[in-house]
């Protein structure tokens, strides 16, 4: 399996979620299943079916997170030295050439992406268009609404 890029914050969030699933959610679902079993015939017991489904989801998520963490390449953006180029972990200030709007994004892993927090996935069209470019360059992004152009105003490693 290939390495999965994560920032330090992203790795910490995955570890916290894994801890929550193992120490809180697993024990809760075991109790819920035991409770549902006391309600009689399991073949017609909706509570039991729902609890088993939840247990399956939790166990699947635990396996998924453990796999991601085992294959993670954890990157500290503050230690990057990419000569001002846009790379994974960089925080980039952009100006939309169409309307002059200035936005700031950090390029992060797929699990960390949250546009409301200004974090875009490395696999997103805008991040792919930015990778390798420097301040002053113009990136053309193939967006669903057509091609958009962004000028890179600043690249920081924070």
Protein backbone atom coordinates (compact mmCIF):
# COMPACT_ATOMS: atom_id res chain seq x y z
CA UNK A 1 0.00 0.00 0.00
CA UNK A 2 1.29 3.46 -0.79
CA UNK A 3 2.06 6.09 1.83
CA UNK A 4 -0.81 8.34 2.90
CA UNK A 5 0.26 11.96 3.45
CA UNK A 6 -1.01 13.54 6.68
CA UNK A 7 -0.13 16.70 8.53
CA UNK A 8 0.73 16.39 12.21
CA UNK A 9 -2.70 17.80 13.13
CA UNK A 10 -4.45 15.33 10.81
CA UNK A 11 -2.60 12.39 12.35
CA UNK A 12 -3.50 13.60 15.86
CA UNK A 13 -7.19 13.84 14.88
CA UNK A 14 -7.16 10.29 13.51
CA UNK A 15 -5.47 9.01 16.69
CA UNK A 16 -8.09 10.81 18.81
CA UNK A 17 -10.93 9.31 16.75
CA UNK A 18 -9.37 5.85 17.07
CA UNK A 19 -9.07 6.27 20.84
CA UNK A 20 -12.72 7.41 21.04
CA UNK A 21 -13.91 4.43 18.99
CA UNK A 22 -11.93 1.90 21.04
CA UNK A 23 -12.51 3.27 24.53
CA UNK A 24 -16.00 4.80 24.32
CA UNK A 25 -17.95 3.60 21.30
CA UNK A 26 -16.96 -0.08 21.42
CA UNK A 27 -17.99 -0.57 25.07
CA UNK A 28 -21.25 1.34 24.48
CA UNK A 29 -22.23 -0.84 21.54
CA UNK A 30 -21.44 -4.04 23.47
CA UNK A 31 -23.85 -2.90 26.19
CA UNK A 32 -26.47 -1.97 23.57
CA UNK A 33 -26.20 -5.40 21.92
CA UNK A 34 -26.49 -7.18 25.28
CA UNK A 35 -29.56 -5.06 26.13
CA UNK A 36 -31.17 -5.75 22.74
CA UNK A 37 -30.64 -9.52 23.17
CA UNK A 38 -32.82 -9.46 26.26
CA UNK A 39 -35.79 -8.30 24.16
CA UNK A 40 -36.47 -11.72 22.69
CA UNK A 41 -36.37 -13.11 19.15
CA UNK A 42 -33.28 -11.69 17.43
CA UNK A 43 -34.64 -12.24 13.91
CA UNK A 44 -37.36 -9.64 14.48
CA UNK A 45 -35.47 -7.37 16.86
CA UNK A 46 -34.84 -3.96 15.26
CA UNK A 47 -32.76 -2.71 18.20
CA UNK A 48 -30.45 -5.72 17.90
CA UNK A 49 -30.10 -5.28 14.13
CA UNK A 50 -29.32 -1.57 14.52
CA UNK A 51 -26.76 -2.23 17.27
CA UNK A 52 -25.04 -4.94 15.19
CA UNK A 53 -24.96 -2.59 12.20
CA UNK A 54 -23.40 0.15 14.36
CA UNK A 55 -20.86 -2.34 15.70
CA UNK A 56 -19.93 -3.30 12.15
CA UNK A 57 -19.45 0.37 11.24
CA UNK A 58 -17.26 1.00 14.31
CA UNK A 59 -15.08 -2.04 13.66
CA UNK A 60 -14.70 -1.10 9.99
CA UNK A 61 -13.70 2.45 10.91
CA UNK A 62 -11.16 1.16 13.48
CA UNK A 63 -9.54 -1.02 10.81
CA UNK A 64 -9.56 1.87 8.32
CA UNK A 65 -7.93 4.34 10.74
CA UNK A 66 -5.33 1.82 11.92
CA UNK A 67 -4.42 1.11 8.30
CA UNK A 68 -4.12 4.82 7.47
CA UNK A 69 -1.95 5.50 10.50
CA UNK A 70 0.26 2.49 9.74
CA UNK A 71 0.81 3.77 6.20
CA UNK A 72 0.97 7.47 7.08
CA UNK A 73 3.71 9.78 5.96
CA UNK A 74 3.40 12.51 8.57
CA UNK A 75 4.54 15.89 7.35
CA UNK A 76 5.22 18.92 9.52
CA UNK A 77 4.55 21.98 7.32
CA UNK A 78 6.74 24.18 9.56
CA UNK A 79 9.78 22.05 8.67
CA UNK A 80 9.23 22.19 4.90
CA UNK A 81 11.79 23.92 2.71
CA UNK A 82 10.27 23.96 -0.76
CA UNK A 83 11.76 27.26 -1.98
CA UNK A 84 8.36 28.98 -2.02
CA UNK A 85 6.64 26.31 -4.11
CA UNK A 86 3.17 24.95 -3.41
CA UNK A 87 3.55 21.51 -1.83
CA UNK A 88 1.61 19.27 0.54
CA UNK A 89 1.12 21.07 3.85
CA UNK A 90 1.72 24.56 2.44
CA UNK A 91 -0.69 27.40 3.17
CA UNK A 92 -1.42 29.37 0.02
CA UNK A 93 -3.02 32.77 -0.42
CA UNK A 94 -4.83 33.05 -3.76
CA UNK A 95 -6.65 35.74 -5.67
CA UNK A 96 -9.52 34.71 -7.92
CA UNK A 97 -8.74 36.45 -11.23
CA UNK A 98 -12.46 36.67 -12.07
CA UNK A 99 -13.79 38.54 -9.05
CA UNK A 100 -10.66 39.58 -7.11
CA UNK A 101 -11.67 37.55 -4.05
CA UNK A 102 -8.69 36.54 -1.89
CA UNK A 103 -8.78 33.13 -0.19
CA UNK A 104 -6.29 31.14 1.87
CA UNK A 105 -6.05 27.35 1.70
CA UNK A 106 -3.81 24.72 3.22
CA UNK A 107 -3.17 21.60 1.14
CA UNK A 108 -3.82 18.56 3.33
CA UNK A 109 -4.66 14.86 3.06
CA UNK A 110 -8.07 13.56 2.02
CA UNK A 111 -9.13 12.82 5.62
CA UNK A 112 -8.21 16.31 6.81
CA UNK A 113 -9.94 18.31 4.08
CA UNK A 114 -12.51 20.81 5.33
CA UNK A 115 -13.23 23.75 3.05
CA UNK A 116 -14.88 25.69 5.90
CA UNK A 117 -11.55 25.63 7.74
CA UNK A 118 -9.59 26.47 4.59
CA UNK A 119 -8.15 22.97 4.18
CA UNK A 120 -8.28 21.44 0.71
CA UNK A 121 -7.48 17.87 -0.26
CA UNK A 122 -4.27 17.13 -2.12
CA UNK A 123 -6.42 15.27 -4.65
CA UNK A 124 -8.79 18.20 -5.29
CA UNK A 125 -8.65 19.95 -8.69
CA UNK A 126 -7.46 23.22 -7.16
CA UNK A 127 -4.65 21.58 -5.16
CA UNK A 128 -3.49 19.60 -8.20
CA UNK A 129 -3.36 22.85 -10.20
CA UNK A 130 -1.34 24.58 -7.45
CA UNK A 131 1.30 21.92 -6.76
CA UNK A 132 4.75 23.03 -7.91
CA UNK A 133 3.79 26.66 -8.54
CA UNK A 134 5.21 29.68 -6.69
CA UNK A 135 4.04 33.16 -5.64
CA UNK A 136 3.26 35.24 -8.72
CA UNK A 137 2.25 32.22 -10.83
CA UNK A 138 -1.26 31.79 -12.18
CA UNK A 139 -2.98 28.43 -11.75
CA UNK A 140 -5.78 27.30 -14.06
CA UNK A 141 -8.31 25.12 -12.29
CA UNK A 142 -10.80 22.94 -14.14
CA UNK A 143 -13.80 23.52 -11.88
CA UNK A 144 -17.31 22.16 -12.45
CA UNK A 145 -18.38 25.63 -13.64
CA UNK A 146 -15.52 25.86 -16.13
CA UNK A 147 -11.89 26.95 -16.02
CA UNK A 148 -11.01 29.38 -13.20
CA UNK A 149 -7.75 31.24 -12.81
CA UNK A 150 -6.07 32.02 -9.49
CA UNK A 151 -2.96 34.09 -8.91
CA UNK A 152 -0.76 32.79 -6.11
CA UNK A 153 -0.08 35.73 -3.80
CA UNK A 154 1.88 33.98 -1.05
CA UNK A 155 3.06 30.51 -0.02
CA UNK A 156 3.75 29.81 3.66
CA UNK A 157 4.91 26.74 5.54
CA UNK A 158 3.21 27.04 8.93
